[in-house]
PDB file of N, CA and C in Angstrom:
ATOM      1  N   MET A   1       5.609 -58.922  12.827  1.00  0.00           N
ATOM      2  CA  MET A   1       4.648 -58.008  13.397  1.00  0.00           C
ATOM      3  C   MET A   1       5.353 -56.896  14.173  1.00  0.00           C
ATOM      4  N   GLY A   2       6.614 -57.116  14.545  1.00  0.00           N
ATOM      5  CA  GLY A   2       7.342 -56.099  15.294  1.00  0.00           C
ATOM      6  C   GLY A   2       7.595 -54.838  14.486  1.00  0.00           C
ATOM      7  N   TRP A   3       7.841 -54.998  13.174  1.00  0.00           N
ATOM      8  CA  TRP A   3       8.095 -53.823  12.337  1.00  0.00           C
ATOM      9  C   TRP A   3       6.843 -52.991  12.137  1.00  0.00           C
ATOM     10  N   LEU A   4       5.672 -53.581  12.293  1.00  0.00           N
ATOM     11  CA  LEU A   4       4.421 -52.862  12.125  1.00  0.00           C
ATOM     12  C   LEU A   4       4.238 -51.824  13.239  1.00  0.00           C
ATOM     13  N   VAL A   5       4.778 -52.093  14.384  1.00  0.00           N
ATOM     14  CA  VAL A   5       4.715 -51.154  15.502  1.00  0.00           C
ATOM     15  C   VAL A   5       6.000 -50.335  15.575  1.00  0.00           C
ATOM     16  N   GLY A   6       7.116 -50.978  15.318  1.00  0.00           N
ATOM     17  CA  GLY A   6       8.413 -50.305  15.464  1.00  0.00           C
ATOM     18  C   GLY A   6       8.654 -49.225  14.441  1.00  0.00           C
ATOM     19  N   LEU A   7       8.256 -49.458  13.196  1.00  0.00           N
ATOM     20  CA  LEU A   7       8.494 -48.464  12.144  1.00  0.00           C
ATOM     21  C   LEU A   7       7.745 -47.157  12.400  1.00  0.00           C
ATOM     22  N   PRO A   8       6.452 -47.174  12.690  1.00  0.00           N
ATOM     23  CA  PRO A   8       5.776 -45.891  12.988  1.00  0.00           C
ATOM     24  C   PRO A   8       6.342 -45.202  14.220  1.00  0.00           C
ATOM     25  N   LEU A   9       6.713 -45.973  15.233  1.00  0.00           N
ATOM     26  CA  LEU A   9       7.304 -45.352  16.417  1.00  0.00           C
ATOM     27  C   LEU A   9       8.661 -44.739  16.104  1.00  0.00           C
ATOM     28  N   GLY A  10       9.437 -45.404  15.244  1.00  0.00           N
ATOM     29  CA  GLY A  10      10.737 -44.856  14.849  1.00  0.00           C
ATOM     30  C   GLY A  10      10.584 -43.571  14.058  1.00  0.00           C
ATOM     31  N   ILE A  11       9.627 -43.571  13.144  1.00  0.00           N
ATOM     32  CA  ILE A  11       9.369 -42.346  12.366  1.00  0.00           C
ATOM     33  C   ILE A  11       8.882 -41.231  13.281  1.00  0.00           C
ATOM     34  N   PHE A  12       8.003 -41.565  14.217  1.00  0.00           N
ATOM     35  CA  PHE A  12       7.503 -40.576  15.169  1.00  0.00           C
ATOM     36  C   PHE A  12       8.644 -40.011  16.020  1.00  0.00           C
ATOM     37  N   ARG A  13       9.547 -40.884  16.478  1.00  0.00           N
ATOM     38  CA  ARG A  13      10.691 -40.438  17.282  1.00  0.00           C
ATOM     39  C   ARG A  13      11.613 -39.539  16.457  1.00  0.00           C
ATOM     40  N   LEU A  14      11.807 -39.867  15.159  1.00  0.00           N
ATOM     41  CA  LEU A  14      12.632 -39.048  14.278  1.00  0.00           C
ATOM     42  C   LEU A  14      12.010 -37.663  14.073  1.00  0.00           C
ATOM     43  N   LEU A  15      10.706 -37.628  13.873  1.00  0.00           N
ATOM     44  CA  LEU A  15      10.024 -36.344  13.701  1.00  0.00           C
ATOM     45  C   LEU A  15      10.103 -35.499  14.975  1.00  0.00           C
ATOM     46  N   LEU A  16       9.977 -36.133  16.114  1.00  0.00           N
ATOM     47  CA  LEU A  16      10.093 -35.391  17.376  1.00  0.00           C
ATOM     48  C   LEU A  16      11.500 -34.844  17.577  1.00  0.00           C
ATOM     49  N   SER A  17      12.505 -35.598  17.139  1.00  0.00           N
ATOM     50  CA  SER A  17      13.870 -35.090  17.280  1.00  0.00           C
ATOM     51  C   SER A  17      14.085 -33.884  16.364  1.00  0.00           C
ATOM     52  N   PHE A  18      13.517 -33.910  15.146  1.00  0.00           N
ATOM     53  CA  PHE A  18      13.607 -32.740  14.262  1.00  0.00           C
ATOM     54  C   PHE A  18      12.880 -31.544  14.854  1.00  0.00           C
ATOM     55  N   LEU A  19      11.737 -31.795  15.468  1.00  0.00           N
ATOM     56  CA  LEU A  19      10.988 -30.714  16.103  1.00  0.00           C
ATOM     57  C   LEU A  19      11.764 -30.122  17.273  1.00  0.00           C
ATOM     58  N   ALA A  20      12.381 -30.972  18.060  1.00  0.00           N
ATOM     59  CA  ALA A  20      13.175 -30.493  19.191  1.00  0.00           C
ATOM     60  C   ALA A  20      14.369 -29.671  18.705  1.00  0.00           C
ATOM     61  N   LEU A  21      15.010 -30.116  17.628  1.00  0.00           N
ATOM     62  CA  LEU A  21      16.134 -29.357  17.071  1.00  0.00           C
ATOM     63  C   LEU A  21      15.665 -28.006  16.549  1.00  0.00           C
ATOM     64  N   ALA A  22      14.537 -27.986  15.871  1.00  0.00           N
ATOM     65  CA  ALA A  22      14.006 -26.722  15.349  1.00  0.00           C
ATOM     66  C   ALA A  22      13.673 -25.765  16.490  1.00  0.00           C
ATOM     67  N   LEU A  23      13.099 -26.282  17.561  1.00  0.00           N
ATOM     68  CA  LEU A  23      12.786 -25.421  18.705  1.00  0.00           C
ATOM     69  C   LEU A  23      14.045 -24.913  19.383  1.00  0.00           C
ATOM     70  N   ARG A  24      15.059 -25.749  19.449  1.00  0.00           N
ATOM     71  CA  ARG A  24      16.321 -25.304  20.054  1.00  0.00           C
ATOM     72  C   ARG A  24      16.942 -24.169  19.270  1.00  0.00           C
ATOM     73  N   LEU A  25      16.753 -24.176  17.966  1.00  0.00           N
ATOM     74  CA  LEU A  25      17.329 -23.107  17.149  1.00  0.00           C
ATOM     75  C   LEU A  25      16.389 -21.907  17.035  1.00  0.00           C
ATOM     76  N   ALA A  26      15.106 -22.154  16.898  1.00  0.00           N
ATOM     77  CA  ALA A  26      14.163 -21.073  16.621  1.00  0.00           C
ATOM     78  C   ALA A  26      13.875 -20.203  17.838  1.00  0.00           C
ATOM     79  N   VAL A  27      13.778 -20.803  18.996  1.00  0.00           N
ATOM     80  CA  VAL A  27      13.420 -20.027  20.190  1.00  0.00           C
ATOM     81  C   VAL A  27      14.493 -18.996  20.537  1.00  0.00           C
ATOM     82  N   PRO A  28      15.779 -19.346  20.598  1.00  0.00           N
ATOM     83  CA  PRO A  28      16.769 -18.298  20.887  1.00  0.00           C
ATOM     84  C   PRO A  28      16.832 -17.223  19.806  1.00  0.00           C
ATOM     85  N   ILE A  29      16.680 -17.614  18.547  1.00  0.00           N
ATOM     86  CA  ILE A  29      16.704 -16.611  17.480  1.00  0.00           C
ATOM     87  C   ILE A  29      15.507 -15.678  17.606  1.00  0.00           C
ATOM     88  N   ALA A  30      14.343 -16.217  17.904  1.00  0.00           N
ATOM     89  CA  ALA A  30      13.151 -15.377  18.068  1.00  0.00           C
ATOM     90  C   ALA A  30      13.300 -14.435  19.258  1.00  0.00           C
ATOM     91  N   VAL A  31      13.880 -14.913  20.341  1.00  0.00           N
ATOM     92  CA  VAL A  31      14.085 -14.061  21.517  1.00  0.00           C
ATOM     93  C   VAL A  31      15.058 -12.934  21.185  1.00  0.00           C
ATOM     94  N   ILE A  32      16.123 -13.234  20.470  1.00  0.00           N
ATOM     95  CA  ILE A  32      17.099 -12.202  20.106  1.00  0.00           C
ATOM     96  C   ILE A  32      16.460 -11.169  19.186  1.00  0.00           C
ATOM     97  N   VAL A  33      15.663 -11.618  18.220  1.00  0.00           N
ATOM     98  CA  VAL A  33      15.004 -10.682  17.303  1.00  0.00           C
ATOM     99  C   VAL A  33      14.052  -9.771  18.064  1.00  0.00           C
ATOM    100  N   VAL A  34      13.288 -10.320  18.979  1.00  0.00           N
ATOM    101  CA  VAL A  34      12.347  -9.506  19.764  1.00  0.00           C
ATOM    102  C   VAL A  34      13.107  -8.486  20.611  1.00  0.00           C
ATOM    103  N   LEU A  35      14.203  -8.900  21.219  1.00  0.00           N
ATOM    104  CA  LEU A  35      14.989  -7.969  22.034  1.00  0.00           C
ATOM    105  C   LEU A  35      15.583  -6.846  21.191  1.00  0.00           C
ATOM    106  N   VAL A  36      16.082  -7.162  20.012  1.00  0.00           N
ATOM    107  CA  VAL A  36      16.652  -6.131  19.144  1.00  0.00           C
ATOM    108  C   VAL A  36      15.569  -5.159  18.691  1.00  0.00           C
ATOM    109  N   VAL A  37      14.396  -5.671  18.323  1.00  0.00           N
ATOM    110  CA  VAL A  37      13.313  -4.788  17.890  1.00  0.00           C
ATOM    111  C   VAL A  37      12.872  -3.877  19.030  1.00  0.00           C
ATOM    112  N   LEU A  38      12.722  -4.424  20.213  1.00  0.00           N
ATOM    113  CA  LEU A  38      12.334  -3.594  21.358  1.00  0.00           C
ATOM    114  C   LEU A  38      13.400  -2.560  21.697  1.00  0.00           C
ATOM    115  N   TYR A  39      14.670  -2.933  21.606  1.00  0.00           N
ATOM    116  CA  TYR A  39      15.751  -1.980  21.888  1.00  0.00           C
ATOM    117  C   TYR A  39      15.757  -0.848  20.867  1.00  0.00           C
ATOM    118  N   ARG A  40      15.616  -1.204  19.589  1.00  0.00           N
ATOM    119  CA  ARG A  40      15.631  -0.166  18.558  1.00  0.00           C
ATOM    120  C   ARG A  40      14.415   0.743  18.667  1.00  0.00           C
ATOM    121  N   ARG A  41      13.286   0.168  19.035  1.00  0.00           N
ATOM    122  CA  ARG A  41      12.078   0.988  19.191  1.00  0.00           C
ATOM    123  C   ARG A  41      12.222   1.943  20.367  1.00  0.00           C
ATOM    124  N   SER A  42      12.863   1.498  21.446  1.00  0.00           N
ATOM    125  CA  SER A  42      13.028   2.365  22.609  1.00  0.00           C
ATOM    126  C   SER A  42      14.031   3.482  22.341  1.00  0.00           C
ATOM    127  N   LYS A  43      14.993   3.232  21.461  1.00  0.00           N
ATOM    128  CA  LYS A  43      16.001   4.249  21.135  1.00  0.00           C
ATOM    129  C   LYS A  43      15.576   5.133  19.968  1.00  0.00           C
ATOM    130  N   GLY A  44      14.428   4.866  19.390  1.00  0.00           N
ATOM    131  CA  GLY A  44      13.959   5.683  18.272  1.00  0.00           C
ATOM    132  C   GLY A  44      14.653   5.314  16.977  1.00  0.00           C
ATOM    133  N   GLY A  45      15.228   4.135  16.891  1.00  0.00           N
ATOM    134  CA  GLY A  45      15.914   3.710  15.671  1.00  0.00           C
ATOM    135  C   GLY A  45      14.945   3.243  14.621  1.00  0.00           C
ATOM    136  N   GLY A  46      15.463   2.569  13.659  1.00  0.00           N
ATOM    137  CA  GLY A  46      14.625   2.072  12.579  1.00  0.00           C
ATOM    138  C   GLY A  46      14.559   3.068  11.444  1.00  0.00           C
ATOM    139  N   GLN A  47      13.611   2.880  10.590  1.00  0.00           N
ATOM    140  CA  GLN A  47      13.478   3.761   9.447  1.00  0.00           C
ATOM    141  C   GLN A  47      12.807   5.059   9.875  1.00  0.00           C
ATOM    142  N   PRO A  48      13.366   6.187   9.421  1.00  0.00           N
ATOM    143  CA  PRO A  48      12.717   7.458   9.765  1.00  0.00           C
ATOM    144  C   PRO A  48      11.382   7.579   9.045  1.00  0.00           C
ATOM    145  N   ARG A  49      10.495   8.248   9.691  1.00  0.00           N
ATOM    146  CA  ARG A  49       9.167   8.441   9.100  1.00  0.00           C
ATOM    147  C   ARG A  49       9.259   9.465   7.985  1.00  0.00           C
ATOM    148  N   GLN A  50       8.548   9.180   6.915  1.00  0.00           N
ATOM    149  CA  GLN A  50       8.511  10.106   5.786  1.00  0.00           C
ATOM    150  C   GLN A  50       7.388  11.102   6.026  1.00  0.00           C
ATOM    151  N   GLU A  51       7.746  12.243   6.582  1.00  0.00           N
ATOM    152  CA  GLU A  51       6.736  13.258   6.850  1.00  0.00           C
ATOM    153  C   GLU A  51       6.640  14.199   5.662  1.00  0.00           C
ATOM    154  N   LYS A  52       5.430  14.642   5.404  1.00  0.00           N
ATOM    155  CA  LYS A  52       5.201  15.569   4.322  1.00  0.00           C
ATOM    156  C   LYS A  52       5.783  16.929   4.721  1.00  0.00           C
ATOM    157  N   PRO A  53       6.555  17.549   3.825  1.00  0.00           N
ATOM    158  CA  PRO A  53       7.130  18.852   4.196  1.00  0.00           C
ATOM    159  C   PRO A  53       6.027  19.876   4.435  1.00  0.00           C
ATOM    160  N   LYS A  54       6.209  20.653   5.451  1.00  0.00           N
ATOM    161  CA  LYS A  54       5.201  21.643   5.825  1.00  0.00           C
ATOM    162  C   LYS A  54       5.284  22.842   4.881  1.00  0.00           C
ATOM    163  N   GLU A  55       4.145  23.247   4.384  1.00  0.00           N
ATOM    164  CA  GLU A  55       4.085  24.411   3.504  1.00  0.00           C
ATOM    165  C   GLU A  55       4.272  25.676   4.340  1.00  0.00           C
ATOM    166  N   PRO A  56       5.015  26.638   3.812  1.00  0.00           N
ATOM    167  CA  PRO A  56       5.196  27.886   4.574  1.00  0.00           C
ATOM    168  C   PRO A  56       3.889  28.677   4.626  1.00  0.00           C
ATOM    169  N   GLU A  57       3.697  29.345   5.729  1.00  0.00           N
ATOM    170  CA  GLU A  57       2.505  30.177   5.900  1.00  0.00           C
ATOM    171  C   GLU A  57       2.918  31.640   5.875  1.00  0.00           C
ATOM    172  N   PHE A  58       2.160  32.443   5.156  1.00  0.00           N
ATOM    173  CA  PHE A  58       2.460  33.859   5.043  1.00  0.00           C
ATOM    174  C   PHE A  58       1.266  34.655   5.522  1.00  0.00           C
ATOM    175  N   LYS A  59       1.548  35.737   6.205  1.00  0.00           N
ATOM    176  CA  LYS A  59       0.499  36.662   6.613  1.00  0.00           C
ATOM    177  C   LYS A  59       0.620  37.877   5.709  1.00  0.00           C
ATOM    178  N   GLY A  60      -0.418  38.152   4.962  1.00  0.00           N
ATOM    179  CA  GLY A  60      -0.376  39.284   4.032  1.00  0.00           C
ATOM    180  C   GLY A  60      -0.241  38.783   2.609  1.00  0.00           C
ATOM    181  N   PRO A  61      -0.107  39.720   1.688  1.00  0.00           N
ATOM    182  CA  PRO A  61      -0.039  39.327   0.276  1.00  0.00           C
ATOM    183  C   PRO A  61       1.286  38.656  -0.062  1.00  0.00           C
ATOM    184  N   VAL A  62       1.220  37.796  -1.036  1.00  0.00           N
ATOM    185  CA  VAL A  62       2.422  37.102  -1.508  1.00  0.00           C
ATOM    186  C   VAL A  62       2.619  37.490  -2.960  1.00  0.00           C
ATOM    187  N   TYR A  63       3.774  38.015  -3.273  1.00  0.00           N
ATOM    188  CA  TYR A  63       4.073  38.454  -4.628  1.00  0.00           C
ATOM    189  C   TYR A  63       5.050  37.458  -5.247  1.00  0.00           C
ATOM    190  N   THR A  64       4.778  37.126  -6.497  1.00  0.00           N
ATOM    191  CA  THR A  64       5.674  36.222  -7.210  1.00  0.00           C
ATOM    192  C   THR A  64       6.249  36.943  -8.405  1.00  0.00           C
ATOM    193  N   VAL A  65       7.341  36.457  -8.890  1.00  0.00           N
ATOM    194  CA  VAL A  65       8.016  37.057 -10.033  1.00  0.00           C
ATOM    195  C   VAL A  65       8.089  36.015 -11.126  1.00  0.00           C
ATOM    196  N   ASP A  66       7.706  36.416 -12.335  1.00  0.00           N
ATOM    197  CA  ASP A  66       7.810  35.534 -13.479  1.00  0.00           C
ATOM    198  C   ASP A  66       9.098  35.896 -14.196  1.00  0.00           C
ATOM    199  N   TYR A  67      10.009  34.975 -14.307  1.00  0.00           N
ATOM    200  CA  TYR A  67      11.313  35.244 -14.886  1.00  0.00           C
ATOM    201  C   TYR A  67      11.357  34.959 -16.387  1.00  0.00           C
ATOM    202  N   GLU A  68      10.200  34.880 -16.997  1.00  0.00           N
ATOM    203  CA  GLU A  68      10.154  34.667 -18.439  1.00  0.00           C
ATOM    204  C   GLU A  68      10.673  35.917 -19.133  1.00  0.00           C
ATOM    205  N   GLU A  69      11.432  35.693 -20.193  1.00  0.00           N
ATOM    206  CA  GLU A  69      11.989  36.831 -20.925  1.00  0.00           C
ATOM    207  C   GLU A  69      10.869  37.630 -21.587  1.00  0.00           C
ATOM    208  N   VAL A  70      10.938  38.928 -21.469  1.00  0.00           N
ATOM    209  CA  VAL A  70       9.925  39.819 -22.033  1.00  0.00           C
ATOM    210  C   VAL A  70      10.625  40.740 -23.040  1.00  0.00           C
ATOM    211  N   ASP A  71      10.027  40.843 -24.220  1.00  0.00           N
ATOM    212  CA  ASP A  71      10.593  41.769 -25.223  1.00  0.00           C
ATOM    213  C   ASP A  71      10.333  43.197 -24.791  1.00  0.00           C
ATOM    214  N   ASN A  72      11.273  44.065 -25.086  1.00  0.00           N
ATOM    215  CA  ASN A  72      11.144  45.477 -24.709  1.00  0.00           C
ATOM    216  C   ASN A  72      10.262  46.257 -25.672  1.00  0.00           C
ATOM    217  N   ASP A  73       9.967  45.700 -26.868  1.00  0.00           N
ATOM    218  CA  ASP A  73       9.184  46.457 -27.840  1.00  0.00           C
ATOM    219  C   ASP A  73       7.680  46.334 -27.600  1.00  0.00           C
ATOM    220  N   GLY A  74       7.236  45.541 -26.634  1.00  0.00           N
ATOM    221  CA  GLY A  74       5.830  45.497 -26.273  1.00  0.00           C
ATOM    222  C   GLY A  74       5.037  44.436 -27.034  1.00  0.00           C
ATOM    223  N   THR A  75       5.631  43.692 -27.944  1.00  0.00           N
ATOM    224  CA  THR A  75       4.899  42.643 -28.651  1.00  0.00           C
ATOM    225  C   THR A  75       5.120  41.329 -27.952  1.00  0.00           C
ATOM    226  N   ASP A  76       4.084  40.503 -28.016  1.00  0.00           N
ATOM    227  CA  ASP A  76       4.186  39.217 -27.338  1.00  0.00           C
ATOM    228  C   ASP A  76       4.785  38.178 -28.202  1.00  0.00           C
TER     229      ASP A  76
END
């Protein structure tokens, strides 16, 4: 009858030790990641934003030139 109580308690203790190990590793890594993200955000690092290029604005008429070759004899 001892194994009926001892085995579940042993498994429970083993699972708790795995959980404690995971927390020991995960918490410092999570803290370091958060600190790096906050530091990079404060310094303006990270990926640059893809801004749409601004179209030039002109005041007055805009003339364009068509560089297509034109025959001198007047036929198309």
